[in-house]
Structures are given as C-alpha cells and as structure tokens.
N, C-alpha and C. Protein backbone atom coordinates (compact mmCIF):
# COMPACT_ATOMS: atom_id res chain seq x y z
N MET A 1 51.12 -50.40 8.42
CA MET A 1 49.70 -50.37 7.72
C MET A 1 49.92 -50.62 6.30
N LEU A 2 49.09 -51.45 5.69
CA LEU A 2 49.16 -51.68 4.21
C LEU A 2 48.86 -50.56 3.23
N VAL A 3 49.18 -50.43 1.99
CA VAL A 3 48.87 -49.38 1.31
C VAL A 3 47.40 -49.41 0.55
N ALA A 4 46.99 -50.67 0.73
CA ALA A 4 45.59 -51.20 0.61
C ALA A 4 44.49 -50.60 1.45
N GLN A 5 44.81 -50.45 2.46
CA GLN A 5 44.15 -49.90 3.46
C GLN A 5 43.70 -48.60 3.38
N LEU A 6 44.91 -48.00 3.04
CA LEU A 6 44.67 -46.33 2.62
C LEU A 6 43.96 -46.14 1.44
N LEU A 7 43.78 -46.98 0.47
CA LEU A 7 43.30 -46.53 -0.73
C LEU A 7 41.91 -47.13 -0.77
N LYS A 8 41.04 -46.46 0.23
CA LYS A 8 39.74 -47.06 0.46
C LYS A 8 38.86 -46.90 -0.91
N GLY A 9 38.05 -47.95 -1.40
CA GLY A 9 37.30 -47.62 -2.61
C GLY A 9 38.16 -48.05 -3.58
N LYS A 10 39.30 -48.57 -3.49
CA LYS A 10 40.34 -48.79 -4.92
C LYS A 10 40.94 -49.93 -4.62
N LYS A 11 41.18 -50.57 -5.70
CA LYS A 11 41.76 -51.92 -5.74
C LYS A 11 43.06 -51.70 -6.14
N LEU A 12 43.98 -52.39 -5.28
CA LEU A 12 45.55 -52.13 -5.49
C LEU A 12 45.88 -53.30 -6.58
N VAL A 13 46.80 -52.68 -7.76
CA VAL A 13 47.25 -53.42 -8.73
C VAL A 13 48.76 -53.83 -8.38
N SER A 14 49.41 -52.67 -8.21
CA SER A 14 50.85 -52.90 -7.99
C SER A 14 51.07 -51.94 -6.74
N ALA A 15 52.51 -52.02 -6.43
CA ALA A 15 52.96 -50.96 -5.22
C ALA A 15 52.63 -49.51 -5.83
N ASN A 16 52.81 -49.34 -7.01
CA ASN A 16 52.70 -47.71 -7.39
C ASN A 16 51.35 -47.51 -8.30
N MET A 17 50.59 -48.48 -8.53
CA MET A 17 49.47 -48.21 -9.59
C MET A 17 48.11 -48.58 -8.64
N TYR A 18 46.95 -48.36 -8.90
CA TYR A 18 45.54 -48.64 -8.65
C TYR A 18 44.48 -48.44 -9.31
N VAL A 19 43.58 -49.17 -9.75
CA VAL A 19 42.33 -48.74 -10.55
C VAL A 19 41.24 -48.83 -9.69
N GLN A 20 40.35 -47.81 -9.99
CA GLN A 20 39.17 -47.79 -9.18
C GLN A 20 38.18 -48.58 -9.61
N LYS A 21 37.34 -49.04 -8.52
CA LYS A 21 36.26 -49.76 -8.71
C LYS A 21 34.97 -49.09 -9.04
N ASN A 22 34.26 -49.39 -9.60
CA ASN A 22 33.00 -48.78 -10.18
C ASN A 22 33.57 -47.47 -11.26
N ASN A 23 34.17 -47.68 -11.98
CA ASN A 23 34.95 -46.77 -13.13
C ASN A 23 33.87 -46.27 -13.88
N PRO A 24 33.28 -44.98 -13.92
CA PRO A 24 32.27 -44.87 -14.81
C PRO A 24 32.56 -44.87 -16.30
N ILE A 25 33.62 -44.67 -16.58
CA ILE A 25 34.11 -44.93 -18.19
C ILE A 25 33.99 -46.23 -18.63
N LYS A 26 34.40 -47.34 -17.78
CA LYS A 26 34.38 -48.81 -18.17
C LYS A 26 32.86 -49.30 -17.91
N LYS A 27 32.05 -48.60 -17.77
CA LYS A 27 30.62 -49.33 -17.61
C LYS A 27 29.99 -49.17 -18.96
N LYS A 28 29.29 -50.41 -19.04
CA LYS A 28 28.73 -50.92 -20.11
C LYS A 28 27.50 -49.94 -20.70
N GLN A 29 27.36 -49.62 -21.87
CA GLN A 29 26.33 -48.61 -22.30
C GLN A 29 24.98 -49.29 -22.14
N LYS A 30 23.90 -48.67 -21.52
CA LYS A 30 22.78 -49.05 -21.40
C LYS A 30 21.57 -48.24 -22.07
N GLY A 31 20.57 -48.87 -22.38
CA GLY A 31 19.40 -48.41 -22.63
C GLY A 31 19.32 -47.20 -23.80
N GLY A 32 18.64 -47.80 -24.87
CA GLY A 32 18.62 -47.05 -26.02
C GLY A 32 17.27 -46.53 -26.17
N GLY A 33 16.21 -47.24 -25.87
CA GLY A 33 14.91 -46.71 -25.53
C GLY A 33 14.08 -46.16 -26.58
N THR A 34 14.83 -45.83 -27.98
CA THR A 34 14.27 -45.45 -29.05
C THR A 34 13.38 -46.36 -29.72
N ARG A 35 12.47 -46.01 -30.31
CA ARG A 35 11.66 -46.84 -31.14
C ARG A 35 11.93 -46.52 -32.91
N LYS A 36 12.64 -45.59 -33.29
CA LYS A 36 12.48 -45.11 -34.42
C LYS A 36 13.93 -45.75 -35.13
N THR A 37 13.77 -46.17 -36.23
CA THR A 37 15.15 -46.50 -37.24
C THR A 37 15.16 -45.81 -38.09
N CYS A 38 16.19 -45.01 -38.78
CA CYS A 38 16.27 -44.12 -39.77
C CYS A 38 17.12 -45.00 -41.12
N LEU A 39 16.91 -45.00 -42.38
CA LEU A 39 17.63 -45.21 -43.47
C LEU A 39 17.52 -44.16 -44.47
N PRO A 40 18.51 -44.08 -45.54
CA PRO A 40 18.22 -42.99 -46.66
C PRO A 40 16.95 -43.68 -47.37
N ALA A 41 16.31 -42.68 -47.93
CA ALA A 41 14.89 -42.81 -48.35
C ALA A 41 15.07 -43.69 -49.71
N SER A 42 16.32 -43.65 -50.44
CA SER A 42 16.40 -44.23 -51.64
C SER A 42 16.69 -46.18 -51.13
N LYS A 43 17.17 -46.39 -50.01
CA LYS A 43 17.13 -47.38 -49.87
C LYS A 43 15.64 -48.15 -49.15
N LEU A 44 15.29 -47.43 -48.50
CA LEU A 44 13.62 -47.56 -48.16
C LEU A 44 12.78 -47.96 -49.36
N ARG A 45 12.91 -47.13 -50.42
CA ARG A 45 12.19 -47.66 -51.63
C ARG A 45 12.39 -49.16 -52.07
N ASN A 46 13.49 -49.71 -51.87
CA ASN A 46 13.95 -50.64 -52.43
C ASN A 46 13.67 -51.76 -51.79
N MET A 47 13.21 -51.64 -50.57
CA MET A 47 13.10 -52.79 -49.38
C MET A 47 11.51 -53.18 -49.55
N SER A 48 11.38 -54.58 -49.48
CA SER A 48 10.01 -55.02 -49.21
C SER A 48 9.30 -54.83 -48.03
N ASP A 49 8.12 -54.56 -48.09
CA ASP A 49 7.30 -54.13 -46.60
C ASP A 49 7.87 -55.02 -45.40
N LYS A 50 7.91 -56.48 -46.00
CA LYS A 50 8.35 -57.30 -44.76
C LYS A 50 9.48 -57.08 -44.15
N LYS A 51 10.51 -56.84 -44.79
CA LYS A 51 11.82 -56.43 -44.49
C LYS A 51 11.79 -55.12 -43.60
N ARG A 52 10.93 -54.19 -44.05
CA ARG A 52 10.93 -52.86 -43.49
C ARG A 52 10.10 -53.28 -42.00
N LYS A 53 9.11 -53.86 -42.15
CA LYS A 53 8.67 -54.17 -40.76
C LYS A 53 9.29 -54.89 -39.84
N SER A 54 10.36 -55.95 -40.45
CA SER A 54 11.04 -56.60 -39.32
C SER A 54 12.16 -55.76 -38.86
N LEU A 55 12.58 -54.91 -39.41
CA LEU A 55 13.67 -54.01 -39.18
C LEU A 55 12.94 -52.84 -37.87
N ALA A 56 12.00 -52.43 -38.27
CA ALA A 56 11.30 -51.48 -37.29
C ALA A 56 10.88 -52.40 -35.99
N ALA A 57 10.63 -53.43 -36.05
CA ALA A 57 10.19 -54.50 -35.05
C ALA A 57 11.26 -54.72 -34.18
N ALA A 58 12.50 -54.92 -34.74
CA ALA A 58 13.71 -55.48 -34.01
C ALA A 58 14.16 -54.28 -33.28
N LYS A 59 14.15 -52.83 -33.78
CA LYS A 59 14.58 -51.58 -33.24
C LYS A 59 13.47 -51.34 -31.85
N SER A 60 12.61 -51.60 -32.03
CA SER A 60 11.48 -51.33 -30.98
C SER A 60 11.72 -52.22 -29.70
N LYS A 61 11.86 -53.50 -30.06
CA LYS A 61 12.20 -54.56 -29.42
C LYS A 61 13.44 -54.23 -28.32
N ALA A 62 14.47 -54.09 -29.25
CA ALA A 62 15.55 -53.63 -28.43
C ALA A 62 15.32 -52.45 -27.51
N GLY A 63 14.54 -51.54 -27.88
CA GLY A 63 14.38 -50.29 -27.24
C GLY A 63 13.57 -50.74 -25.94
N LYS A 64 12.57 -51.46 -26.14
CA LYS A 64 11.79 -51.58 -24.63
C LYS A 64 12.67 -52.73 -23.90
N ALA A 65 13.51 -53.26 -24.36
CA ALA A 65 14.44 -54.22 -23.59
C ALA A 65 15.51 -53.45 -22.51
N GLY A 66 15.61 -52.21 -23.13
CA GLY A 66 16.56 -51.23 -22.59
C GLY A 66 18.02 -51.57 -23.10
N LYS A 67 18.18 -52.33 -24.27
CA LYS A 67 19.34 -52.26 -24.78
C LYS A 67 19.59 -51.29 -25.77
N TYR A 68 20.99 -51.35 -25.85
CA TYR A 68 21.62 -50.07 -26.51
C TYR A 68 21.49 -50.19 -28.18
N LYS A 69 21.70 -51.36 -28.48
CA LYS A 69 21.68 -51.51 -30.01
C LYS A 69 20.47 -52.90 -30.39
N ARG A 70 20.20 -52.86 -31.46
CA ARG A 70 19.35 -54.09 -32.08
C ARG A 70 20.20 -54.96 -32.78
N PRO A 71 19.83 -56.20 -32.94
CA PRO A 71 20.65 -57.39 -33.03
C PRO A 71 21.13 -56.93 -34.59
N SER A 72 22.78 -57.51 -34.65
CA SER A 72 23.40 -57.41 -35.89
C SER A 72 22.57 -58.07 -36.84
N SER A 73 21.79 -59.33 -36.66
CA SER A 73 21.24 -59.62 -37.61
C SER A 73 20.29 -59.14 -38.63
N THR A 74 19.98 -57.82 -38.17
CA THR A 74 18.75 -57.04 -38.93
C THR A 74 19.71 -55.93 -39.36
N ASN A 75 20.98 -55.99 -39.47
CA ASN A 75 21.73 -54.91 -40.25
C ASN A 75 21.39 -54.95 -42.03
N VAL A 76 21.46 -53.64 -42.22
CA VAL A 76 21.00 -53.68 -43.78
C VAL A 76 22.58 -53.28 -44.41
N LYS A 77 22.34 -54.15 -45.59
CA LYS A 77 23.58 -53.97 -46.71
C LYS A 77 23.09 -53.37 -47.89
N GLY A 78 24.20 -52.37 -48.32
CA GLY A 78 24.08 -51.64 -49.50
C GLY A 78 23.21 -50.41 -49.38
N ALA A 79 23.18 -49.89 -48.26
CA ALA A 79 22.60 -48.62 -48.01
C ALA A 79 23.57 -47.12 -48.46
N ARG A 80 24.60 -47.71 -48.40
CA ARG A 80 25.58 -46.47 -48.90
C ARG A 80 26.39 -46.73 -50.11
N LYS A 81 26.61 -45.80 -50.88
CA LYS A 81 27.26 -46.02 -52.14
C LYS A 81 28.60 -46.20 -51.97
N LYS A 82 29.26 -46.95 -52.96
CA LYS A 82 30.65 -47.46 -52.94
C LYS A 82 31.41 -45.98 -53.11
N GLY A 83 32.32 -45.81 -52.31
CA GLY A 83 33.37 -44.88 -52.26
C GLY A 83 32.82 -43.66 -51.81
N ALA A 84 31.65 -43.51 -51.24
CA ALA A 84 31.04 -42.39 -50.49
C ALA A 84 31.64 -42.33 -48.89
N THR A 85 32.08 -41.24 -48.39
CA THR A 85 32.63 -41.23 -47.11
C THR A 85 31.40 -41.14 -46.37
N LEU A 86 31.86 -41.38 -45.05
CA LEU A 86 30.78 -41.35 -44.01
C LEU A 86 29.97 -40.00 -43.98
N ARG A 87 30.93 -39.02 -43.95
CA ARG A 87 30.20 -37.69 -43.84
C ARG A 87 29.43 -37.29 -44.88
N ASP A 88 29.69 -37.71 -46.30
CA ASP A 88 28.84 -37.33 -47.34
C ASP A 88 27.67 -38.11 -47.01
N TRP A 89 27.70 -39.32 -46.52
CA TRP A 89 26.52 -40.24 -46.66
C TRP A 89 25.66 -39.49 -45.65
N PHE A 90 25.76 -39.21 -44.56
CA PHE A 90 25.21 -38.67 -43.48
C PHE A 90 24.46 -37.43 -43.93
N LYS A 91 25.19 -36.32 -44.56
CA LYS A 91 24.84 -35.27 -44.94
C LYS A 91 24.11 -35.09 -46.45
N LYS A 92 24.50 -35.96 -47.42
CA LYS A 92 23.67 -35.75 -48.61
C LYS A 92 22.38 -36.75 -48.71
N GLU A 93 22.21 -37.86 -47.79
CA GLU A 93 21.18 -38.40 -47.98
C GLU A 93 19.93 -37.77 -47.46
N ASP A 94 18.55 -38.47 -47.88
CA ASP A 94 17.37 -37.63 -47.56
C ASP A 94 16.81 -39.01 -46.52
N TRP A 95 17.05 -38.97 -45.30
CA TRP A 95 16.95 -39.73 -44.21
C TRP A 95 15.44 -39.83 -43.66
N ARG A 96 14.94 -41.18 -43.60
CA ARG A 96 13.73 -41.20 -43.28
C ARG A 96 13.41 -42.38 -42.35
N GLN A 97 12.22 -42.10 -41.58
CA GLN A 97 11.92 -43.36 -40.71
C GLN A 97 11.48 -44.79 -41.45
N VAL A 98 11.93 -45.91 -40.91
CA VAL A 98 11.55 -47.02 -41.49
C VAL A 98 9.94 -47.24 -41.34
N GLY A 99 9.60 -46.98 -40.05
CA GLY A 99 8.38 -47.26 -39.63
C GLY A 99 7.31 -46.44 -40.49
N ASN A 100 7.72 -45.15 -40.79
CA ASN A 100 6.91 -44.38 -41.77
C ASN A 100 7.68 -43.38 -42.40
N PRO A 101 7.88 -43.83 -43.64
CA PRO A 101 8.79 -43.30 -44.67
C PRO A 101 8.12 -41.86 -45.09
N LYS A 102 6.97 -41.62 -44.67
CA LYS A 102 6.41 -40.09 -44.99
C LYS A 102 7.40 -39.07 -44.19
N LYS A 103 7.68 -39.53 -43.02
CA LYS A 103 8.48 -38.75 -41.84
C LYS A 103 9.88 -38.59 -41.94
N LYS A 104 10.41 -37.52 -41.93
CA LYS A 104 11.91 -37.55 -41.80
C LYS A 104 12.32 -38.10 -40.51
N CYS A 105 13.66 -38.31 -40.74
CA CYS A 105 14.07 -38.56 -39.07
C CYS A 105 14.41 -37.73 -38.30
N GLY A 106 13.88 -37.94 -36.81
CA GLY A 106 14.00 -36.92 -35.96
C GLY A 106 12.18 -36.47 -35.64
N GLU A 107 11.67 -36.51 -36.89
CA GLU A 107 10.17 -35.88 -36.57
C GLU A 107 9.60 -36.78 -35.88
N LYS A 108 8.30 -35.97 -35.10
CA LYS A 108 7.47 -36.80 -34.05
C LYS A 108 6.11 -37.24 -35.07
C-alpha cells in the first residue's frame, strides 16, 4: 500500500513530509468591505478636495468589490513626519475620516 493512500486529504511531498491541501494559513486575504479611509488631520487639511474624493472613492470601490486593499496608486505620500516611529505616528496623530473630516476615525 502506498503512503499517499494513507494520507487522505494531504499531498505527498517526500517520503517523510506532506503538505495539507486547503491550508487555512496559506489562503489569500479576502474582503475588506469597509468604506472609511482614515488619515491624520494635518494631512487632510493640506489635501485638495479632488484628491480627498478620489481617495475615498477608491477605498469604497475596493470594499464593494470585496478586496482587502485599495489600489497602491492611491497611496498618500508625506503623511508621517520624518524620524517618527510607527507607534508614535498612530498614537499621537489626530486621525480623521477622509470622506468626512469632522468625524474621528471609527466614528459612525
């Protein structure tokens, strides 16, 4: 009897090793579904209305399509100050929604 027949639902790689089919860890990320995009308030003040609307539209379009991320072409440059650590950036900034800057990030 072959070893492959004993390993039901698994793919034989070598005599001593096997890899699971349908491994949940290796699945591709699906579905962001969110419509909100958040940026620091200081960056939002410096953005034009046109740029702000295109960014919000790209995020909602990606969410409706069930994609995890919006396109990289809509990435924002210069939102973080030089030398700031990522932790400082997230904690110290006043995060606002791009679609409605009067609302804080996470507000409904």
